Amino acid sequence: MRRKIVLWGNNEKDQKILVALELLEKENLVNIYTFPEKCCYRRIL
């Protein structure tokens, strides 16, 4: 089973953000992380 999921979304100001979810199965918790688009880039050659 996958424990991490990453996807794009929009915040309340309609700005593009990266959302990451991490399942902590033993603790029965989900950590949610958000990052603004400007800090998330990838260079493709």
N, C-alpha and C. Protein backbone atom coordinates (compact mmCIF):
# COMPACT_ATOMS: atom_id res chain seq x y z
N MET A 1 0.84 -1.18 0.00
CA MET A 1 0.00 0.00 0.00
C MET A 1 0.89 1.25 0.00
N ARG A 2 0.50 2.22 -0.77
CA ARG A 2 1.24 3.49 -0.80
C ARG A 2 0.94 4.29 0.46
N ARG A 3 1.98 4.96 0.95
CA ARG A 3 1.83 5.78 2.15
C ARG A 3 1.89 7.27 1.86
N LYS A 4 2.30 7.62 0.63
CA LYS A 4 2.43 9.04 0.27
C LYS A 4 1.74 9.31 -1.06
N ILE A 5 1.04 10.45 -1.12
CA ILE A 5 0.37 10.89 -2.34
C ILE A 5 0.69 12.37 -2.53
N VAL A 6 1.01 12.77 -3.75
CA VAL A 6 1.30 14.17 -4.06
C VAL A 6 0.42 14.58 -5.24
N LEU A 7 -0.21 15.76 -5.14
CA LEU A 7 -1.08 16.24 -6.21
C LEU A 7 -1.11 17.75 -6.23
N TRP A 8 -1.53 18.29 -7.38
CA TRP A 8 -1.69 19.74 -7.51
C TRP A 8 -3.11 20.14 -7.12
N GLY A 9 -3.22 21.35 -6.56
CA GLY A 9 -4.52 21.88 -6.20
C GLY A 9 -4.48 23.40 -6.19
N ASN A 10 -5.57 24.01 -5.77
CA ASN A 10 -5.67 25.47 -5.65
C ASN A 10 -6.08 25.82 -4.23
N ASN A 11 -5.51 26.91 -3.72
CA ASN A 11 -5.90 27.36 -2.38
C ASN A 11 -7.09 28.32 -2.48
N GLU A 12 -7.47 28.92 -1.35
CA GLU A 12 -8.63 29.79 -1.32
C GLU A 12 -8.44 31.06 -2.14
N LYS A 13 -7.18 31.43 -2.44
CA LYS A 13 -6.89 32.60 -3.27
C LYS A 13 -6.71 32.21 -4.74
N ASP A 14 -7.08 30.97 -5.07
CA ASP A 14 -6.98 30.42 -6.43
C ASP A 14 -5.54 30.39 -6.94
N GLN A 15 -4.60 30.21 -6.03
CA GLN A 15 -3.19 30.05 -6.39
C GLN A 15 -2.87 28.56 -6.43
N LYS A 16 -2.05 28.18 -7.40
CA LYS A 16 -1.70 26.76 -7.56
C LYS A 16 -0.74 26.33 -6.45
N ILE A 17 -1.03 25.19 -5.79
CA ILE A 17 -0.19 24.67 -4.73
C ILE A 17 0.02 23.17 -4.93
N LEU A 18 1.09 22.68 -4.35
CA LEU A 18 1.37 21.25 -4.34
C LEU A 18 0.94 20.71 -2.98
N VAL A 19 0.13 19.66 -2.97
CA VAL A 19 -0.39 19.08 -1.73
C VAL A 19 0.20 17.68 -1.59
N ALA A 20 0.79 17.40 -0.42
CA ALA A 20 1.36 16.08 -0.16
C ALA A 20 0.67 15.49 1.07
N LEU A 21 0.25 14.23 0.95
CA LEU A 21 -0.39 13.50 2.05
C LEU A 21 0.49 12.32 2.42
N GLU A 22 0.68 12.13 3.72
CA GLU A 22 1.50 11.01 4.21
C GLU A 22 0.72 10.25 5.28
N LEU A 23 0.52 8.96 5.06
CA LEU A 23 -0.19 8.12 6.01
C LEU A 23 0.77 7.58 7.06
N LEU A 24 0.45 7.81 8.33
CA LEU A 24 1.18 7.22 9.45
C LEU A 24 0.27 6.13 10.00
N GLU A 25 0.44 4.94 9.46
CA GLU A 25 -0.50 3.85 9.71
C GLU A 25 -0.57 3.45 11.18
N LYS A 26 0.57 3.32 11.84
CA LYS A 26 0.58 2.89 13.25
C LYS A 26 -0.10 3.89 14.16
N GLU A 27 0.04 5.19 13.84
CA GLU A 27 -0.59 6.24 14.66
C GLU A 27 -2.00 6.56 14.19
N ASN A 28 -2.42 5.99 13.05
CA ASN A 28 -3.73 6.24 12.46
C ASN A 28 -3.92 7.74 12.18
N LEU A 29 -2.88 8.35 11.58
CA LEU A 29 -2.89 9.78 11.27
C LEU A 29 -2.49 10.00 9.82
N VAL A 30 -2.89 11.17 9.29
CA VAL A 30 -2.45 11.60 7.97
C VAL A 30 -1.83 12.99 8.11
N ASN A 31 -0.56 13.12 7.70
CA ASN A 31 0.10 14.43 7.66
C ASN A 31 -0.20 15.07 6.33
N ILE A 32 -0.53 16.37 6.35
CA ILE A 32 -0.83 17.12 5.13
C ILE A 32 0.17 18.26 5.02
N TYR A 33 0.86 18.32 3.88
CA TYR A 33 1.83 19.37 3.62
C TYR A 33 1.39 20.12 2.37
N THR A 34 1.56 21.45 2.36
CA THR A 34 1.26 22.25 1.18
C THR A 34 2.46 23.14 0.86
N PHE A 35 2.70 23.33 -0.44
CA PHE A 35 3.82 24.13 -0.91
C PHE A 35 3.33 25.01 -2.06
N PRO A 36 3.73 26.29 -2.09
CA PRO A 36 3.34 27.14 -3.21
C PRO A 36 4.05 26.69 -4.48
N GLU A 37 3.43 26.97 -5.63
CA GLU A 37 3.97 26.53 -6.92
C GLU A 37 5.38 27.06 -7.16
N LYS A 38 5.67 28.27 -6.72
CA LYS A 38 6.97 28.87 -7.02
C LYS A 38 8.15 28.12 -6.38
N CYS A 39 7.91 27.35 -5.34
CA CYS A 39 9.00 26.60 -4.72
C CYS A 39 9.10 25.18 -5.27
N CYS A 40 8.21 24.82 -6.17
CA CYS A 40 8.17 23.45 -6.72
C CYS A 40 8.43 23.49 -8.21
N TYR A 41 9.62 23.20 -8.59
CA TYR A 41 9.92 23.16 -10.01
C TYR A 41 10.82 21.97 -10.29
N ARG A 42 10.79 21.56 -11.53
CA ARG A 42 11.59 20.42 -11.96
C ARG A 42 12.08 20.70 -13.36
N ARG A 43 13.33 20.53 -13.55
CA ARG A 43 13.91 20.78 -14.86
C ARG A 43 13.95 19.48 -15.65
N ILE A 44 13.35 19.50 -16.81
CA ILE A 44 13.31 18.31 -17.66
C ILE A 44 14.22 18.55 -18.85
N LEU A 45 15.15 17.63 -19.06
CA LEU A 45 16.09 17.75 -20.18
C LEU A 45 15.58 17.02 -21.39
